[in-house]
C-alpha atoms as a PDB file:
ATOM      1  CA  MET A   1     -12.267  -1.417   3.308  1.00  0.00           C
ATOM      2  CA  GLN A   2     -11.148   1.228   0.704  1.00  0.00           C
ATOM      3  CA  HIS A   3     -14.812   1.888   0.162  1.00  0.00           C
ATOM      4  CA  GLU A   4     -15.287   2.443   3.757  1.00  0.00           C
ATOM      5  CA  SER A   5     -12.168   5.030   3.993  1.00  0.00           C
ATOM      6  CA  ASN A   6     -13.616   7.087   0.620  1.00  0.00           C
ATOM      7  CA  VAL A   7     -17.063   7.178   2.654  1.00  0.00           C
ATOM      8  CA  HIS A   8     -15.087   8.454   6.328  1.00  0.00           C
ATOM      9  CA  ARG A   9     -12.782  10.701   3.822  1.00  0.00           C
ATOM     10  CA  ARG A  10     -15.959  12.369   2.013  1.00  0.00           C
ATOM     11  CA  GLN A  11     -17.703  13.393   5.388  1.00  0.00           C
ATOM     12  CA  ARG A  12     -14.177  15.166   6.893  1.00  0.00           C
ATOM     13  CA  ALA A  13     -13.096  18.147   6.203  1.00  0.00           C
ATOM     14  CA  ASP A  14      -9.635  17.180   7.883  1.00  0.00           C
ATOM     15  CA  LEU A  15      -8.907  14.517   5.248  1.00  0.00           C
ATOM     16  CA  GLY A  16      -7.374  15.817   1.902  1.00  0.00           C
ATOM     17  CA  PRO A  17      -8.583  14.335  -1.502  1.00  0.00           C
ATOM     18  CA  GLU A  18      -7.696  11.510  -2.985  1.00  0.00           C
ATOM     19  CA  HIS A  19      -6.364  10.846  -6.607  1.00  0.00           C
ATOM     20  CA  PRO A  20      -9.691  10.436  -8.671  1.00  0.00           C
ATOM     21  CA  TRP A  21      -8.852   7.052  -9.642  1.00  0.00           C
ATOM     22  CA  GLY A  22      -7.295   5.964  -6.302  1.00  0.00           C
ATOM     23  CA  ASP A  23      -9.760   3.764  -5.089  1.00  0.00           C
ATOM     24  CA  ARG A  24     -10.854   2.591  -8.324  1.00  0.00           C
ATOM     25  CA  GLY A  25      -7.267   1.660  -9.393  1.00  0.00           C
ATOM     26  CA  GLN A  26      -6.605   0.180  -6.508  1.00  0.00           C
ATOM     27  CA  ALA A  27      -9.712  -2.045  -6.544  1.00  0.00           C
ATOM     28  CA  LEU A  28      -9.091  -2.942 -10.511  1.00  0.00           C
ATOM     29  CA  PHE A  29      -5.441  -3.650  -9.596  1.00  0.00           C
ATOM     30  CA  GLN A  30      -6.166  -5.804  -6.674  1.00  0.00           C
ATOM     31  CA  LEU A  31      -8.919  -7.833  -8.628  1.00  0.00           C
ATOM     32  CA  ALA A  32      -6.438  -8.418 -11.799  1.00  0.00           C
ATOM     33  CA  PHE A  33      -4.015  -9.383  -9.534  1.00  0.00           C
ATOM     34  CA  LEU A  34      -5.635 -12.086  -7.381  1.00  0.00           C
ATOM     35  CA  ILE A  35      -7.180 -13.267 -11.197  1.00  0.00           C
ATOM     36  CA  LEU A  36      -3.519 -13.370 -12.060  1.00  0.00           C
ATOM     37  CA  TRP A  37      -2.366 -15.146  -8.899  1.00  0.00           C
ATOM     38  CA  ILE A  38      -4.535 -17.787  -8.413  1.00  0.00           C
ATOM     39  CA  ALA A  39      -4.653 -18.386 -12.435  1.00  0.00           C
ATOM     40  CA  ASP A  40      -0.809 -18.624 -12.915  1.00  0.00           C
ATOM     41  CA  SER A  41      -0.098 -20.141  -9.448  1.00  0.00           C
ATOM     42  CA  PHE A  42      -2.630 -22.545  -9.156  1.00  0.00           C
ATOM     43  CA  VAL A  43      -4.407 -23.514 -12.558  1.00  0.00           C
ATOM     44  CA  PHE A  44      -2.216 -22.608 -16.075  1.00  0.00           C
ATOM     45  CA  ARG A  45       1.476 -22.597 -13.897  1.00  0.00           C
ATOM     46  CA  LEU A  46       2.998 -20.529 -16.835  1.00  0.00           C
ATOM     47  CA  SER A  47       5.239 -18.522 -15.079  1.00  0.00           C
ATOM     48  CA  THR A  48       5.746 -19.939 -11.619  1.00  0.00           C
ATOM     49  CA  VAL A  49       9.081 -20.995 -11.024  1.00  0.00           C
ATOM     50  CA  SER A  50       9.639 -24.707  -9.792  1.00  0.00           C
ATOM     51  CA  VAL A  51      12.004 -24.397  -6.447  1.00  0.00           C
ATOM     52  CA  GLY A  52      12.860 -26.890  -4.189  1.00  0.00           C
ATOM     53  CA  TYR A  53      11.644 -27.905  -0.925  1.00  0.00           C
ATOM     54  CA  SER A  54      14.055 -25.576   1.053  1.00  0.00           C
ATOM     55  CA  LEU A  55      13.341 -22.753  -0.973  1.00  0.00           C
ATOM     56  CA  LEU A  56       9.690 -23.616  -0.654  1.00  0.00           C
ATOM     57  CA  TYR A  57      10.173 -23.131   2.875  1.00  0.00           C
ATOM     58  CA  THR A  58      11.753 -20.047   2.884  1.00  0.00           C
ATOM     59  CA  GLY A  59       9.665 -18.619   0.215  1.00  0.00           C
ATOM     60  CA  VAL A  60       6.363 -19.507   2.789  1.00  0.00           C
ATOM     61  CA  LEU A  61       8.110 -17.368   5.681  1.00  0.00           C
ATOM     62  CA  LEU A  62       8.899 -14.620   3.582  1.00  0.00           C
ATOM     63  CA  ALA A  63       5.080 -14.640   2.319  1.00  0.00           C
ATOM     64  CA  GLY A  64       3.779 -14.651   5.716  1.00  0.00           C
ATOM     65  CA  PHE A  65       6.147 -11.987   7.028  1.00  0.00           C
ATOM     66  CA  PHE A  66       5.060  -9.772   4.019  1.00  0.00           C
ATOM     67  CA  ILE A  67       1.377 -10.357   3.932  1.00  0.00           C
ATOM     68  CA  LEU A  68       1.262 -10.191   8.134  1.00  0.00           C
ATOM     69  CA  LEU A  69       3.313  -6.837   8.036  1.00  0.00           C
ATOM     70  CA  GLY A  70       0.765  -5.254   5.115  1.00  0.00           C
ATOM     71  CA  ILE A  71      -2.165  -6.309   7.113  1.00  0.00           C
ATOM     72  CA  TRP A  72      -0.702  -4.713  10.239  1.00  0.00           C
ATOM     73  CA  LEU A  73       0.615  -1.421   8.276  1.00  0.00           C
ATOM     74  CA  HIS A  74      -3.207  -0.978   7.068  1.00  0.00           C
ATOM     75  CA  ARG A  75      -4.787  -1.741  10.059  1.00  0.00           C
ATOM     76  CA  ALA A  76      -2.586   0.577  12.442  1.00  0.00           C
ATOM     77  CA  SER A  77      -2.544   3.281   9.410  1.00  0.00           C
ATOM     78  CA  ASN A  78      -6.427   3.255   9.359  1.00  0.00           C
ATOM     79  CA  ARG A  79      -6.786   3.785  13.234  1.00  0.00           C
ATOM     80  CA  VAL A  80      -4.636   6.838  12.827  1.00  0.00           C
ATOM     81  CA  VAL A  81      -6.363   8.326   9.970  1.00  0.00           C
ATOM     82  CA  PHE A  82      -9.751   7.665  10.985  1.00  0.00           C
ATOM     83  CA  GLY A  83      -9.502   7.142  14.738  1.00  0.00           C
ATOM     84  CA  GLN A  84      -9.831  10.917  15.230  1.00  0.00           C
ATOM     85  CA  VAL A  85     -10.873  14.316  13.692  1.00  0.00           C
ATOM     86  CA  ARG A  86      -8.046  16.269  13.520  1.00  0.00           C
ATOM     87  CA  ASP A  87      -9.558  20.338  13.917  1.00  0.00           C
ATOM     88  CA  PRO A  88      -8.035  22.107  12.883  1.00  0.00           C
ATOM     89  CA  PRO A  89      -6.809  20.171  10.268  1.00  0.00           C
ATOM     90  CA  ARG A  90      -2.925  19.173  10.210  1.00  0.00           C
ATOM     91  CA  VAL A  91       0.055  16.893   8.794  1.00  0.00           C
ATOM     92  CA  ILE A  92      -0.136  13.094  10.742  1.00  0.00           C
ATOM     93  CA  GLU A  93       3.138  12.513  11.771  1.00  0.00           C
ATOM     94  CA  GLU A  94       2.352   9.943  14.531  1.00  0.00           C
ATOM     95  CA  SER A  95       2.388   5.852  14.563  1.00  0.00           C
ATOM     96  CA  VAL A  96       3.271   4.493  11.357  1.00  0.00           C
ATOM     97  CA  PHE A  97       3.336   7.809   9.430  1.00  0.00           C
ATOM     98  CA  SER A  98       6.244   8.367  11.539  1.00  0.00           C
ATOM     99  CA  HIS A  99       8.093   5.760   9.499  1.00  0.00           C
ATOM    100  CA  VAL A 100       6.752   5.932   6.329  1.00  0.00           C
ATOM    101  CA  ARG A 101       4.621   8.449   4.169  1.00  0.00           C
ATOM    102  CA  HIS A 102       2.043   5.854   2.627  1.00  0.00           C
ATOM    103  CA  PRO A 103       1.649   3.105   4.822  1.00  0.00           C
ATOM    104  CA  MET A 104      -1.831   2.453   3.637  1.00  0.00           C
ATOM    105  CA  TYR A 105      -0.527   2.059   0.551  1.00  0.00           C
ATOM    106  CA  LEU A 106       2.728   0.168   1.437  1.00  0.00           C
ATOM    107  CA  GLY A 107       0.362  -2.203   2.977  1.00  0.00           C
ATOM    108  CA  SER A 108      -1.360  -3.257   0.038  1.00  0.00           C
ATOM    109  CA  LEU A 109       1.901  -3.694  -1.941  1.00  0.00           C
ATOM    110  CA  PHE A 110       3.505  -5.734   0.830  1.00  0.00           C
ATOM    111  CA  ILE A 111       0.284  -8.439   1.055  1.00  0.00           C
ATOM    112  CA  ASP A 112       0.569  -8.265  -2.953  1.00  0.00           C
ATOM    113  CA  LEU A 113       4.513  -8.844  -2.512  1.00  0.00           C
ATOM    114  CA  GLY A 114       3.738 -12.093  -0.273  1.00  0.00           C
ATOM    115  CA  LEU A 115       1.571 -13.440  -2.569  1.00  0.00           C
ATOM    116  CA  THR A 116       3.823 -13.474  -5.128  1.00  0.00           C
ATOM    117  CA  VAL A 117       6.691 -14.450  -2.851  1.00  0.00           C
ATOM    118  CA  ALA A 118       4.722 -17.769  -1.982  1.00  0.00           C
ATOM    119  CA  THR A 119       4.291 -18.818  -5.455  1.00  0.00           C
ATOM    120  CA  PHE A 120       7.109 -17.304  -7.391  1.00  0.00           C
ATOM    121  CA  SER A 121       5.156 -16.150  -9.769  1.00  0.00           C
ATOM    122  CA  ILE A 122       6.772 -14.186 -12.944  1.00  0.00           C
ATOM    123  CA  PHE A 123       3.730 -12.784 -14.444  1.00  0.00           C
ATOM    124  CA  CYS A 124       2.480 -11.295 -10.882  1.00  0.00           C
ATOM    125  CA  VAL A 125       6.221 -10.073 -10.218  1.00  0.00           C
ATOM    126  CA  ASP A 126       5.605  -7.778 -13.582  1.00  0.00           C
ATOM    127  CA  LEU A 127       2.187  -6.922 -12.291  1.00  0.00           C
ATOM    128  CA  PHE A 128       3.468  -6.229  -9.184  1.00  0.00           C
ATOM    129  CA  ALA A 129       6.154  -3.597 -10.885  1.00  0.00           C
ATOM    130  CA  ILE A 130       2.831  -1.944 -12.230  1.00  0.00           C
ATOM    131  CA  MET A 131       0.978  -1.390  -9.632  1.00  0.00           C
ATOM    132  CA  PHE A 132       4.168   0.129  -7.465  1.00  0.00           C
ATOM    133  CA  VAL A 133       4.293   2.722 -10.133  1.00  0.00           C
ATOM    134  CA  PHE A 134       0.198   3.428 -10.087  1.00  0.00           C
ATOM    135  CA  TYR A 135       0.709   3.692  -6.305  1.00  0.00           C
ATOM    136  CA  ASP A 136       3.415   6.156  -6.744  1.00  0.00           C
ATOM    137  CA  ARG A 137       1.801   8.201  -8.820  1.00  0.00           C
ATOM    138  CA  ILE A 138      -1.323   8.693  -6.820  1.00  0.00           C
ATOM    139  CA  ALA A 139       0.722   8.872  -3.783  1.00  0.00           C
ATOM    140  CA  ALA A 140       2.743  11.947  -5.429  1.00  0.00           C
ATOM    141  CA  TYR A 141      -0.715  13.436  -6.496  1.00  0.00           C
ATOM    142  CA  GLU A 142      -2.068  13.512  -2.702  1.00  0.00           C
ATOM    143  CA  GLU A 143       1.591  14.792  -1.451  1.00  0.00           C
ATOM    144  CA  ARG A 144       1.100  17.734  -3.967  1.00  0.00           C
ATOM    145  CA  ASP A 145      -2.204  18.464  -2.482  1.00  0.00           C
ATOM    146  CA  LEU A 146      -0.767  18.091   1.072  1.00  0.00           C
ATOM    147  CA  SER A 147       1.916  20.315   0.201  1.00  0.00           C
ATOM    148  CA  LYS A 148      -0.495  23.052  -0.774  1.00  0.00           C
ATOM    149  CA  ARG A 149      -2.247  22.755   2.186  1.00  0.00           C
ATOM    150  CA  PHE A 150       0.573  22.310   5.079  1.00  0.00           C
ATOM    151  CA  GLY A 151       3.380  24.143   3.006  1.00  0.00           C
ATOM    152  CA  ASN A 152       6.600  24.120   5.253  1.00  0.00           C
ATOM    153  CA  ALA A 153       4.872  21.705   7.766  1.00  0.00           C
ATOM    154  CA  TYR A 154       4.514  19.201   4.996  1.00  0.00           C
ATOM    155  CA  ALA A 155       8.094  19.885   3.763  1.00  0.00           C
ATOM    156  CA  ASP A 156       9.280  19.645   6.626  1.00  0.00           C
ATOM    157  CA  TYR A 157       7.738  16.041   7.332  1.00  0.00           C
ATOM    158  CA  ALA A 158       8.671  14.890   3.626  1.00  0.00           C
ATOM    159  CA  ARG A 159      12.220  15.600   4.597  1.00  0.00           C
ATOM    160  CA  ARG A 160      12.062  13.389   7.482  1.00  0.00           C
ATOM    161  CA  VAL A 161       9.993  11.157   6.550  1.00  0.00           C
ATOM    162  CA  ARG A 162      10.460   8.692   3.013  1.00  0.00           C
ATOM    163  CA  ARG A 163       7.661   7.652   1.071  1.00  0.00           C
ATOM    164  CA  TRP A 164       7.977   4.238   0.645  1.00  0.00           C
ATOM    165  CA  ILE A 165      11.254   2.375   2.340  1.00  0.00           C
ATOM    166  CA  PRO A 166      10.574   3.121   6.031  1.00  0.00           C
ATOM    167  CA  SER A 167      12.771   5.777   8.167  1.00  0.00           C
ATOM    168  CA  PRO A 168      14.269   3.903  11.655  1.00  0.00           C
END
């Protein structure tokens, strides 16, 4: 999905540039996360926390919620960004972008959080924290570009809508 997004981005003048390591970094982190999650959760079980059945059911429900929310954020933001060409270019403020400035990145993080919660892997919690820092850096990079391109319009948007914690 990220590769397709990047191809569309290069062909569209209304979309700003991504961080140079944005797509590659996301792909590498996702691959590393999945390998670590599978290895720790199902093969070696070095850092998975043994839980009782009642907590396991709660974890599975919470994991499902995060994964579904992540998929929804990804799909909704892709529809908004790639569903229409904005001519002239403008700040995207509709749909999920009216609640959070980086719903695609947040969707990816929610999916990983869901997997982490599903198996209670401490190693995945550590990698998740590193991934969050990475996403925060690429988001800040993109926001600097958006501030240059759109000036006060983006500054007003950034004051109203938070980067990571959805606004009501």
